[in-house]
Protein backbone atom coordinates (compact mmCIF):
# COMPACT_ATOMS: atom_id res chain seq x y z
CA MET A 1 11.74 -1.41 -10.64
CA PRO A 2 10.03 0.24 -7.26
CA GLY A 3 7.15 2.23 -8.61
CA THR A 4 6.57 0.94 -11.62
CA ILE A 5 3.12 -0.60 -11.07
CA PRO A 6 0.83 1.73 -8.53
CA TYR A 7 -0.34 0.41 -5.47
CA ASP A 8 -4.40 -0.34 -6.20
CA PRO A 9 -5.99 0.79 -2.80
CA GLU A 10 -8.33 -1.73 -3.44
CA ASN A 11 -7.25 -5.01 -3.20
CA ILE A 12 -8.39 -7.37 -1.10
CA PHE A 13 -5.84 -6.87 2.22
CA SER A 14 -6.55 -3.05 1.77
CA LYS A 15 -10.54 -3.69 1.75
CA ILE A 16 -9.99 -6.02 5.18
CA LEU A 17 -7.60 -2.89 6.58
CA LYS A 18 -10.51 -0.58 5.96
CA GLY A 19 -13.28 -3.08 7.84
CA GLN A 20 -14.89 -3.38 4.61
CA ILE A 21 -14.12 -7.30 4.03
CA PRO A 22 -13.85 -9.48 7.19
CA CYS A 23 -11.17 -11.32 8.43
CA HIS A 24 -9.97 -14.07 11.11
CA ALA A 25 -7.98 -12.12 12.87
CA ILE A 26 -5.13 -13.10 15.23
CA TYR A 27 -3.18 -9.83 16.32
CA GLU A 28 -3.29 -6.51 15.42
CA ASP A 29 -1.51 -3.31 16.80
CA GLU A 30 -0.94 0.12 15.63
CA HIS A 31 1.49 -0.75 12.27
CA THR A 32 0.26 -4.78 11.26
CA LEU A 33 -2.41 -7.30 11.33
CA ALA A 34 -2.59 -10.61 11.43
CA PHE A 35 -5.32 -13.00 10.36
CA MET A 36 -6.14 -16.47 8.95
CA ASP A 37 -5.26 -17.52 5.59
CA ILE A 38 -8.89 -18.41 3.88
CA MET A 39 -6.33 -20.83 1.66
CA PRO A 40 -4.45 -22.75 3.73
CA GLN A 41 -1.43 -24.54 3.11
CA ALA A 42 -1.50 -26.28 6.29
CA GLU A 43 -3.78 -25.88 9.48
CA GLY A 44 -3.00 -22.81 11.24
CA HIS A 45 -1.48 -20.69 7.81
CA ALA A 46 -1.51 -16.99 8.92
CA LEU A 47 -0.86 -13.99 7.17
CA VAL A 48 1.01 -10.89 8.70
CA ILE A 49 0.46 -7.59 6.32
CA PRO A 50 1.37 -3.99 7.42
CA LYS A 51 -1.18 -1.49 7.33
CA THR A 52 1.21 0.76 4.95
CA PRO A 53 0.40 0.40 1.97
CA SER A 54 3.07 -1.57 -0.07
CA ARG A 55 2.74 -3.58 -3.19
CA ASN A 56 5.80 -6.01 -2.05
CA LEU A 57 9.04 -6.22 -0.69
CA LEU A 58 10.08 -4.53 -3.75
CA ASP A 59 8.39 -1.13 -3.07
CA ALA A 60 7.74 -0.72 0.68
CA ASP A 61 9.45 1.65 2.67
CA PRO A 62 12.40 -0.05 4.77
CA THR A 63 11.05 1.14 7.92
CA THR A 64 7.82 -0.77 7.08
CA PHE A 65 9.97 -4.18 8.06
CA MET A 66 10.54 -2.65 11.61
CA TRP A 67 7.19 -3.05 12.58
CA LEU A 68 5.94 -5.94 10.24
CA MET A 69 9.01 -8.70 11.07
CA PRO A 70 8.12 -8.76 14.91
CA THR A 71 4.98 -9.54 14.32
CA VAL A 72 5.69 -12.04 11.72
CA GLN A 73 8.08 -13.63 14.53
CA LYS A 74 5.13 -13.30 17.37
CA ILE A 75 2.97 -15.05 15.25
CA ALA A 76 5.02 -18.38 14.19
CA ARG A 77 6.44 -18.59 17.56
CA ALA A 78 2.26 -18.88 18.57
CA ALA A 79 1.36 -20.68 15.67
CA LYS A 80 4.23 -23.31 16.37
CA LYS A 81 2.81 -23.58 19.83
CA ALA A 82 -0.90 -23.42 19.02
CA PHE A 83 -0.40 -26.73 16.23
CA HIS A 84 2.31 -28.20 17.78
CA ALA A 85 4.41 -27.73 14.49
CA ASP A 86 7.71 -29.19 14.18
CA GLY A 87 9.01 -25.95 12.58
CA VAL A 88 7.44 -22.76 10.33
CA LYS A 89 7.80 -21.65 7.44
CA ILE A 90 7.86 -18.24 6.37
CA VAL A 91 6.91 -17.17 3.05
CA GLN A 92 6.79 -14.13 0.92
CA TYR A 93 6.19 -13.44 -2.72
CA ASN A 94 7.01 -10.57 -5.03
CA GLU A 95 5.51 -10.34 -8.30
CA THR A 96 2.87 -12.48 -10.30
CA ALA A 97 6.28 -14.43 -11.68
CA ALA A 98 6.90 -14.98 -7.92
CA GLY A 99 3.60 -16.19 -7.10
CA GLN A 100 1.63 -13.23 -5.51
CA THR A 101 -1.65 -13.28 -5.91
CA VAL A 102 -2.41 -9.93 -3.63
CA PHE A 103 -0.84 -6.83 -4.35
CA HIS A 104 -0.52 -6.03 -0.60
CA LEU A 105 2.57 -6.64 1.28
CA HIS A 106 2.05 -9.97 2.98
CA VAL A 107 3.89 -12.44 4.86
CA HIS A 108 2.50 -16.22 5.05
CA VAL A 109 3.40 -17.64 8.41
CA ILE A 110 2.58 -21.56 8.10
CA PRO A 111 3.25 -24.21 10.95
CA ILE A 112 4.99 -27.38 9.60
CA LYS A 113 4.62 -30.63 10.67
CA ASP A 114 6.94 -33.50 9.75
CA GLY A 115 5.93 -35.64 7.28
CA VAL A 116 2.89 -33.97 6.39
CA PRO A 117 2.80 -32.42 2.79
CA LEU A 118 2.05 -28.44 2.54
CA LYS A 119 -1.34 -27.92 0.16
CA PRO A 120 -0.56 -26.02 -2.93
CA HIS A 121 -0.49 -22.29 -2.74
CA GLY A 122 -3.69 -20.86 -3.30
CA GLY A 123 -6.01 -23.92 -3.20
CA LYS A 124 -8.77 -24.56 -1.35
CA MET A 125 -11.08 -22.41 1.18
CA GLU A 126 -11.20 -23.40 4.27
CA ASP A 127 -14.52 -23.68 6.09
CA GLY A 128 -14.96 -20.41 8.28
CA GLY A 129 -15.76 -22.19 11.37
CA LYS A 130 -12.46 -23.94 11.19
CA LEU A 131 -10.49 -20.96 10.62
CA ALA A 132 -12.43 -19.18 13.16
CA HIS A 133 -11.13 -21.99 15.88
CA ASN A 134 -7.60 -21.91 14.58
CA ALA A 135 -7.78 -17.97 14.63
CA GLU A 136 -8.43 -18.90 18.35
CA MET A 137 -5.89 -20.86 19.12
CA ILE A 138 -3.20 -18.89 17.87
CA ARG A 139 -4.65 -15.97 19.81
CA GLU A 140 -4.99 -18.71 22.92
CA ALA A 141 -1.11 -19.16 22.38
CA LEU A 142 -0.12 -15.66 21.60
CA LYS A 143 -0.92 -15.04 25.56
CA PHE A 144 2.20 -17.66 26.71
CA VAL A 145 4.69 -16.28 23.67
CA SER A 146 6.59 -13.07 23.65
């Protein structure tokens, strides 16, 4: 049920939004932030989060999605272009049983190449230099997508 478990303002994404923890940012506007997933399932795997506190889709104010989804689309287009992907997988987990590990609403944007399997969700941490490079590739591609 919405509101059963309160939002924890000390979750890692909240700390990123407050500037307490660094991230490899790709895009930011008044309502959203996009950054690289530190445990990517594929090259270019990014996350998009709303700045409004929500544990997940189940308790989010519906107006959150009018800002969140256009950013997801923008990042998906840029990631597909930057990594010459054949497609883009959009994933959103809700609660532990579904695989959610960080309890701040977030959407995974994963560039997919035919024949290249995904790594496990929540797997190995990526090298910071590689994440910085991938973030720059997506930022550059953002200049050419709408």
